[in-house]
Amino acid sequence: MTTPRYLDVHVLQTVPFANLNRDDLGSPKSVVYGGATRTRVSSQCWKRAVRLDVERAISDPAVRTRRVPAEVTERLVARGWSPDAAAAAGAQIALSANKKEEGLKLEDKGGTSVLLYLPKAALDALADLAETHREAIEQTVGAKKPKGVLPIDEVATLLSQRNGVINLFGRMLAELPGAGVDGTVQVAHAFTTHEVAPEIDFFTAVDDCLPEDAVGSGHMNSAEFSAGVFYRYASVDLAGLLTNLGEDKAMARELTGEFLRAFIASLPTGKQTATAANTLPDLVHIAVRADRPVSLAAAFEAPVRPENGLAAPSRKELSRYAERLEQLWGKAGVIRAGYASIEEKPLAGLGESYGSFAELIEATVTAAHPGSGA
């Protein structure tokens, strides 16, 4: 039997007037592709939304933060430690993190100089560890250059813990040997299938407490927004995910399913209170492959032209390109392919048609993890 190695998910999503991901000047991010300017949403932006949705689904959040010492301090104060002793314990987490004399470097505000990424539950475990060494920690209170008094191996183990999202998205942490985790998910920057010119929205805010004879607004400004049909793509390294999970096929199946659900349903939060651009995808195409990941972004290198809108011609172009690419590359590497869409007519090149995203996800997960059970 051919072994599933990769899972590719392709999404077309129509987003109305919005600014989901802005640059340092507040403008929608963009990219020039095929000689045309497109609106872009960075992979980091959409990936965070996906990660948070997966965490909620599996009820096992992770935190990326410099504030691990402060978080431990707060937990210990809540347990009745004095603020000074609790702060010393927080500092000890950093000082005892590795075999370097200074451990992880601490900044002025008590945070580490690097972002740590660990399960939220590990913060409670670090506080528990401090409790077992309370006497030694209290002896360091007031010391100008305290040395680490916590067992280095135990601190490093807790800071290196993994959970589902860390096994999916990976972790780079050079300061802790062995803490790095190879990410199994690749997420592309989303971009519009067509050319976009951002629009400037001039707005004012009324001051409700002005005197009766006063005129004018309390505030005026402008902001940029855009609208369009986005192509989104991600790939999951199925073999790598199994390796990260210690060959736990049931967990791999669960995480794959939750990732697909989150990738389809998630939305970045940028400017959403002002735009409420809460759309769902028009089309989702998923392929389980034995050869290599394959993006279909090149379908839109030539920007789509309007034909009673842009969503329908974008779906047709994705179908056309996928069919031609399949002829060129061959079908041998595809174990299963399917799609679900609001399109009424069949879309060639995208595999079997499903009536709902839920049915598509279930069939895909079964193909991606044969023998793992439902």
Protein backbone atom coordinates (compact mmCIF):
# COMPACT_ATOMS: atom_id res chain seq x y z
CA MET A 1 0.00 0.00 0.00
CA THR A 2 1.22 3.50 -0.86
CA THR A 3 2.10 5.41 2.30
CA PRO A 4 0.52 8.84 2.80
CA ARG A 5 3.28 11.41 3.28
CA TYR A 6 1.73 14.83 2.81
CA LEU A 7 -1.63 16.51 2.99
CA ASP A 8 -2.27 19.64 0.90
CA VAL A 9 -5.23 21.92 1.60
CA HIS A 10 -6.26 24.65 -0.85
CA VAL A 11 -8.88 27.26 -0.01
CA LEU A 12 -10.62 29.99 -1.98
CA GLN A 13 -12.27 32.53 0.30
CA THR A 14 -14.08 35.74 -0.57
CA VAL A 15 -13.39 38.50 1.95
CA PRO A 16 -15.35 41.77 1.72
CA PHE A 17 -14.20 45.23 2.88
CA ALA A 18 -11.54 44.39 5.49
CA ASN A 19 -7.97 44.79 6.70
CA LEU A 20 -7.18 41.45 8.28
CA ASN A 21 -3.40 41.98 8.35
CA ARG A 22 -1.82 45.43 8.13
CA ASP A 23 1.74 46.65 7.71
CA ASP A 24 3.65 49.15 9.84
CA LEU A 25 1.74 52.03 8.22
CA GLY A 26 -1.67 50.47 8.77
CA SER A 27 -2.20 49.52 5.13
CA PRO A 28 -3.31 46.02 4.06
CA LYS A 29 -0.23 43.92 3.34
CA SER A 30 0.41 43.36 -0.35
CA VAL A 31 2.49 41.45 -2.85
CA VAL A 32 3.24 42.00 -6.53
CA TYR A 33 2.62 38.71 -8.33
CA GLY A 34 2.30 38.28 -12.07
CA GLY A 35 2.92 42.00 -12.46
CA ALA A 36 -0.20 42.86 -10.46
CA THR A 37 -0.55 44.12 -6.89
CA ARG A 38 -2.53 41.77 -4.66
CA THR A 39 -3.73 42.04 -1.07
CA ARG A 40 -1.83 39.60 1.14
CA VAL A 41 -2.35 38.10 4.59
CA SER A 42 0.90 36.81 6.08
CA SER A 43 1.27 33.17 6.99
CA GLN A 44 2.15 34.13 10.58
CA CYS A 45 -1.09 36.06 10.93
CA TRP A 46 -3.43 33.35 9.66
CA LYS A 47 -1.38 30.58 11.30
CA ARG A 48 -1.87 32.14 14.72
CA ALA A 49 -5.63 32.16 14.19
CA VAL A 50 -5.47 28.50 13.18
CA ARG A 51 -3.28 27.59 16.17
CA LEU A 52 -5.65 29.22 18.65
CA ASP A 53 -8.61 27.39 17.12
CA VAL A 54 -6.78 24.05 17.39
CA GLU A 55 -5.91 24.79 21.02
CA ARG A 56 -9.54 25.48 21.86
CA ALA A 57 -10.61 22.28 20.12
CA ILE A 58 -8.17 20.04 21.99
CA SER A 59 -8.39 22.03 25.27
CA ASP A 60 -4.61 22.10 25.61
CA PRO A 61 -3.26 25.63 25.01
CA ALA A 62 0.36 26.62 24.54
CA VAL A 63 1.90 30.01 25.26
CA ARG A 64 4.64 31.87 23.43
CA THR A 65 6.06 34.39 25.88
CA ARG A 66 9.06 36.05 27.47
CA ARG A 67 7.13 36.22 30.75
CA VAL A 68 7.66 32.67 32.06
CA PRO A 69 9.46 33.96 35.20
CA ALA A 70 6.66 36.50 35.80
CA GLU A 71 3.97 33.86 35.24
CA VAL A 72 5.63 31.57 37.81
CA THR A 73 5.95 34.50 40.21
CA GLU A 74 2.24 35.29 39.95
CA ARG A 75 1.30 31.68 40.60
CA LEU A 76 3.47 31.49 43.70
CA VAL A 77 2.13 34.76 45.12
CA ALA A 78 -1.36 33.32 44.69
CA ARG A 79 -0.18 30.30 46.72
CA GLY A 80 0.90 32.52 49.60
CA TRP A 81 4.57 33.20 48.86
CA SER A 82 5.93 36.64 49.67
CA PRO A 83 6.40 38.82 46.56
CA ASP A 84 10.21 38.84 47.01
CA ALA A 85 10.47 35.06 47.37
CA ALA A 86 8.10 34.51 44.45
CA ALA A 87 10.13 36.86 42.25
CA ALA A 88 13.30 35.01 43.23
CA ALA A 89 11.63 31.74 42.24
CA GLY A 90 10.65 33.19 38.86
CA ALA A 91 14.23 34.29 38.29
CA GLN A 92 15.43 30.82 39.25
CA ILE A 93 13.48 29.30 36.35
CA ALA A 94 15.65 31.29 33.96
CA LEU A 95 18.88 30.86 35.94
CA SER A 96 18.45 27.09 36.10
CA ALA A 97 17.24 26.56 32.52
CA ASN A 98 20.54 25.34 31.10
CA LYS A 99 24.15 24.65 32.02
CA LYS A 100 25.38 28.12 31.11
CA GLU A 101 26.40 30.17 34.13
CA GLU A 102 23.77 32.86 33.49
CA GLY A 103 21.10 30.40 32.34
CA LEU A 104 18.58 32.18 30.13
CA LYS A 105 19.32 35.89 30.20
CA LEU A 106 16.82 38.02 32.11
CA GLU A 107 15.76 41.47 30.99
CA ASP A 108 15.12 44.44 33.28
CA LYS A 109 11.39 43.72 33.63
CA GLY A 110 11.98 40.11 34.64
CA GLY A 111 11.30 38.51 31.28
CA THR A 112 13.64 36.24 29.36
CA SER A 113 15.56 37.66 26.42
CA VAL A 114 14.05 35.02 24.13
CA LEU A 115 10.48 33.91 23.54
CA LEU A 116 9.74 30.54 25.07
CA TYR A 117 7.02 28.31 23.64
CA LEU A 118 5.57 25.70 25.95
CA PRO A 119 2.26 24.17 27.06
CA LYS A 120 0.39 26.43 29.45
CA ALA A 121 0.18 23.52 31.90
CA ALA A 122 3.99 23.60 32.16
CA LEU A 123 3.77 26.97 33.95
CA ASP A 124 1.91 25.32 36.82
CA ALA A 125 4.43 22.47 36.82
CA LEU A 126 7.29 25.00 37.11
CA ALA A 127 5.56 26.59 40.09
CA ASP A 128 5.19 23.12 41.63
CA LEU A 129 8.91 22.53 41.14
CA ALA A 130 9.70 25.81 42.90
CA GLU A 131 7.54 24.72 45.83
CA THR A 132 9.71 21.65 46.36
CA HIS A 133 12.84 23.85 46.54
CA ARG A 134 11.32 26.76 48.46
CA GLU A 135 13.94 26.87 51.21
CA ALA A 136 16.87 27.04 48.79
CA ILE A 137 15.11 29.71 46.73
CA GLU A 138 14.34 31.89 49.76
CA GLN A 139 18.03 31.91 50.62
CA THR A 140 18.74 33.68 47.30
CA VAL A 141 16.41 36.62 48.06
CA GLY A 142 18.39 39.86 48.03
CA ALA A 143 21.48 38.36 46.41
CA LYS A 144 22.99 40.61 43.73
CA LYS A 145 24.06 37.73 41.51
CA PRO A 146 22.15 34.64 42.61
CA LYS A 147 23.14 31.27 41.22
CA GLY A 148 20.71 28.68 40.00
CA VAL A 149 19.50 26.37 42.76
CA LEU A 150 16.86 24.39 40.88
CA PRO A 151 17.76 21.08 39.19
CA ILE A 152 18.74 22.01 35.64
CA ASP A 153 17.49 18.79 34.06
CA GLU A 154 14.04 19.14 35.61
CA VAL A 155 13.67 22.80 34.59
CA ALA A 156 14.87 22.03 31.06
CA THR A 157 12.43 19.11 30.82
CA LEU A 158 9.48 21.28 31.81
CA LEU A 159 10.48 24.11 29.45
CA SER A 160 10.87 21.53 26.66
CA GLN A 161 7.45 19.93 27.10
CA ARG A 162 5.27 19.58 24.01
CA ASN A 163 1.58 19.42 23.31
CA GLY A 164 -0.53 19.01 20.19
CA VAL A 165 -0.01 22.45 18.66
CA ILE A 166 3.75 22.38 19.32
CA ASN A 167 3.96 19.00 17.59
CA LEU A 168 2.02 20.47 14.67
CA PHE A 169 3.68 23.86 14.26
CA GLY A 170 7.12 23.16 15.73
CA ARG A 171 9.40 25.15 18.01
CA MET A 172 12.81 26.73 17.51
CA LEU A 173 14.68 27.26 20.78
CA ALA A 174 18.46 27.14 20.39
CA GLU A 175 19.03 28.18 24.01
CA LEU A 176 17.74 24.82 25.30
CA PRO A 177 19.48 21.81 23.73
CA GLY A 178 16.95 19.25 22.57
CA ALA A 179 13.96 21.61 22.93
CA GLY A 180 13.59 22.26 19.21
CA VAL A 181 10.69 20.60 17.41
CA ASP A 182 10.52 20.32 13.62
CA GLY A 183 7.27 21.87 12.44
CA THR A 184 5.04 19.59 10.39
CA VAL A 185 2.79 22.34 9.01
CA GLN A 186 3.73 24.72 6.20
CA VAL A 187 1.42 27.70 5.66
CA ALA A 188 1.68 29.99 2.64
CA HIS A 189 0.92 33.69 2.62
CA ALA A 190 -2.65 34.13 1.41
CA PHE A 191 -3.08 36.45 -1.56
CA THR A 192 -5.90 37.63 -3.78
CA THR A 193 -6.40 35.83 -7.05
CA HIS A 194 -6.78 39.19 -8.79
CA GLU A 195 -5.36 42.69 -8.78
CA VAL A 196 -6.41 44.90 -5.87
CA ALA A 197 -6.16 48.63 -5.22
CA PRO A 198 -6.67 49.40 -1.51
CA GLU A 199 -9.28 52.01 -0.70
CA ILE A 200 -8.93 54.85 1.80
CA ASP A 201 -11.77 55.25 4.27
CA PHE A 202 -12.07 58.72 5.83
CA PHE A 203 -13.94 58.62 9.14
CA THR A 204 -14.90 60.88 12.01
CA ALA A 205 -15.91 60.31 15.61
CA VAL A 206 -18.51 62.44 17.41
CA ASP A 207 -17.75 63.96 20.81
CA ASP A 208 -20.97 63.31 22.72
CA CYS A 209 -20.22 65.89 25.42
CA LEU A 210 -19.62 69.00 23.30
CA PRO A 211 -21.48 72.24 24.22
CA GLU A 212 -24.67 72.84 22.25
CA ASP A 213 -23.12 75.65 20.21
CA ALA A 214 -20.01 73.61 19.26
CA VAL A 215 -19.62 72.12 15.80
CA GLY A 216 -17.25 69.63 14.25
CA SER A 217 -16.07 66.16 15.18
CA GLY A 218 -14.08 64.98 18.14
CA HIS A 219 -11.69 63.00 15.99
CA MET A 220 -11.02 62.42 12.30
CA ASN A 221 -8.66 60.10 10.51
CA SER A 222 -8.37 57.70 7.60
CA ALA A 223 -7.66 54.00 7.23
CA GLU A 224 -7.03 51.63 4.32
CA PHE A 225 -9.05 48.55 3.46
CA SER A 226 -9.45 46.16 0.54
CA ALA A 227 -11.63 43.29 -0.62
CA GLY A 228 -11.02 40.20 -2.70
CA VAL A 229 -10.94 36.46 -3.26
CA PHE A 230 -8.00 34.89 -1.40
CA TYR A 231 -6.10 31.74 -2.32
CA ARG A 232 -4.90 30.02 0.85
CA TYR A 233 -2.63 26.97 1.00
CA ALA A 234 -1.11 24.77 3.69
CA SER A 235 0.65 21.42 3.77
CA VAL A 236 1.00 18.88 6.58
CA ASP A 237 3.98 16.51 6.78
CA LEU A 238 2.09 13.40 7.90
CA ALA A 239 5.20 11.30 8.49
CA GLY A 240 6.82 14.10 10.48
CA LEU A 241 3.70 14.51 12.62
CA LEU A 242 3.74 10.80 13.47
CA THR A 243 7.41 11.06 14.41
CA ASN A 244 6.76 14.06 16.65
CA LEU A 245 3.94 12.14 18.35
CA GLY A 246 5.98 9.02 18.95
CA GLU A 247 3.96 7.09 16.32
CA ASP A 248 0.66 7.77 18.17
CA LYS A 249 -1.68 7.25 15.21
CA ALA A 250 -4.86 8.13 17.09
CA MET A 251 -3.44 11.49 18.17
CA ALA A 252 -2.11 12.15 14.68
CA ARG A 253 -5.58 11.53 13.28
CA GLU A 254 -7.17 13.88 15.83
CA LEU A 255 -4.67 16.67 15.24
CA THR A 256 -4.95 16.37 11.46
CA GLY A 257 -8.72 16.66 11.63
CA GLU A 258 -8.65 19.61 14.03
CA PHE A 259 -6.03 21.37 11.92
CA LEU A 260 -8.17 21.01 8.79
CA ARG A 261 -11.28 22.27 10.58
CA ALA A 262 -9.35 25.22 12.01
CA PHE A 263 -7.64 26.09 8.73
CA ILE A 264 -10.98 26.15 6.93
CA ALA A 265 -12.90 28.08 9.59
CA SER A 266 -10.34 30.45 11.12
CA LEU A 267 -10.06 34.16 10.45
CA PRO A 268 -7.49 36.72 11.60
CA THR A 269 -8.92 39.35 13.94
CA GLY A 270 -7.41 42.50 12.39
CA LYS A 271 -9.99 45.33 12.15
CA GLN A 272 -12.80 42.82 12.53
CA THR A 273 -14.76 44.95 15.00
CA ALA A 274 -14.90 47.63 12.30
CA THR A 275 -15.60 45.34 9.33
CA ALA A 276 -17.11 42.02 10.53
CA ALA A 277 -15.67 40.22 7.50
CA ASN A 278 -16.79 36.85 8.87
CA THR A 279 -16.95 34.80 5.68
CA LEU A 280 -16.44 31.10 5.06
CA PRO A 281 -14.52 29.61 2.11
CA ASP A 282 -16.21 29.24 -1.27
CA LEU A 283 -14.16 26.15 -2.07
CA VAL A 284 -11.86 23.75 -0.22
CA HIS A 285 -9.74 21.20 -2.09
CA ILE A 286 -7.64 18.66 -0.16
CA ALA A 287 -5.20 16.09 -1.50
CA VAL A 288 -3.40 13.31 0.34
CA ARG A 289 -0.12 12.68 -1.46
CA ALA A 290 2.65 10.11 -1.43
CA ASP A 291 5.19 12.14 -3.39
CA ARG A 292 5.59 15.81 -2.34
CA PRO A 293 3.58 18.91 -1.41
CA VAL A 294 2.11 20.75 -4.42
CA SER A 295 0.81 24.32 -4.22
CA LEU A 296 -1.61 25.59 -6.83
CA ALA A 297 -0.67 29.24 -6.38
CA ALA A 298 0.58 29.44 -9.96
CA ALA A 299 -3.04 29.16 -11.10
CA PHE A 300 -3.34 32.84 -10.27
CA GLU A 301 -0.01 34.14 -11.56
CA ALA A 302 -2.09 35.75 -14.28
CA PRO A 303 -4.63 37.78 -12.29
CA VAL A 304 -8.24 36.66 -12.63
CA ARG A 305 -10.52 39.05 -14.54
CA PRO A 306 -14.06 39.82 -13.36
CA GLU A 307 -16.92 37.81 -14.93
CA ASN A 308 -19.99 38.73 -12.90
CA GLY A 309 -17.67 38.88 -9.91
CA LEU A 310 -14.34 37.28 -9.13
CA ALA A 311 -15.22 34.26 -6.97
CA ALA A 312 -16.68 32.07 -9.73
CA PRO A 313 -13.87 32.68 -12.25
CA SER A 314 -11.34 32.02 -9.47
CA ARG A 315 -12.91 28.63 -8.79
CA LYS A 316 -12.90 27.81 -12.49
CA GLU A 317 -9.27 28.86 -12.87
CA LEU A 318 -8.17 26.73 -9.92
CA SER A 319 -10.00 23.76 -11.43
CA ARG A 320 -8.53 24.35 -14.90
CA TYR A 321 -4.98 24.70 -13.61
CA ALA A 322 -5.24 21.67 -11.30
CA GLU A 323 -6.47 19.53 -14.17
CA ARG A 324 -3.65 20.61 -16.48
CA LEU A 325 -1.03 20.18 -13.77
CA GLU A 326 -2.35 16.70 -13.02
CA GLN A 327 -1.92 15.79 -16.68
CA LEU A 328 1.60 17.18 -16.66
CA TRP A 329 2.77 15.66 -13.36
CA GLY A 330 0.62 12.55 -13.28
CA LYS A 331 -1.72 11.01 -10.71
CA ALA A 332 0.63 8.43 -9.23
CA GLY A 333 1.46 10.55 -6.19
CA VAL A 334 -2.16 11.29 -5.26
CA ILE A 335 -3.72 8.85 -2.80
CA ARG A 336 -7.00 10.72 -2.42
CA ALA A 337 -8.26 14.08 -3.61
CA GLY A 338 -11.57 15.78 -3.06
CA TYR A 339 -13.31 19.10 -2.76
CA ALA A 340 -16.40 20.80 -1.38
CA SER A 341 -17.70 24.00 -2.88
CA ILE A 342 -20.69 26.26 -3.40
CA GLU A 343 -20.09 25.77 -7.13
CA GLU A 344 -23.02 23.90 -8.66
CA LYS A 345 -21.16 22.53 -11.68
CA PRO A 346 -18.45 19.84 -11.31
CA LEU A 347 -14.88 21.08 -11.05
CA ALA A 348 -12.42 18.90 -12.92
CA GLY A 349 -8.97 18.24 -11.52
CA LEU A 350 -10.02 18.54 -7.86
CA GLY A 351 -11.00 14.94 -7.20
CA GLU A 352 -14.23 13.64 -5.71
CA SER A 353 -16.99 16.12 -4.90
CA TYR A 354 -18.37 16.18 -1.33
CA GLY A 355 -21.52 17.86 -0.13
CA SER A 356 -19.97 19.45 2.95
CA PHE A 357 -16.66 20.40 4.47
CA ALA A 358 -17.28 17.91 7.29
CA GLU A 359 -17.60 15.00 4.84
CA LEU A 360 -14.50 16.12 2.98
CA ILE A 361 -12.47 16.33 6.20
CA GLU A 362 -13.59 12.90 7.41
CA ALA A 363 -12.70 11.21 4.13
CA THR A 364 -9.35 13.01 4.00
CA VAL A 365 -8.35 12.11 7.56
CA THR A 366 -9.22 8.46 6.96
CA ALA A 367 -7.03 8.42 3.86
CA ALA A 368 -4.20 10.27 5.60
CA HIS A 369 -4.11 7.93 8.61
CA PRO A 370 -5.22 4.46 7.47
CA GLY A 371 -5.66 2.00 10.30
CA SER A 372 -5.86 4.66 12.98
CA GLY A 373 -9.56 4.05 13.72
CA ALA A 374 -12.44 6.47 13.55
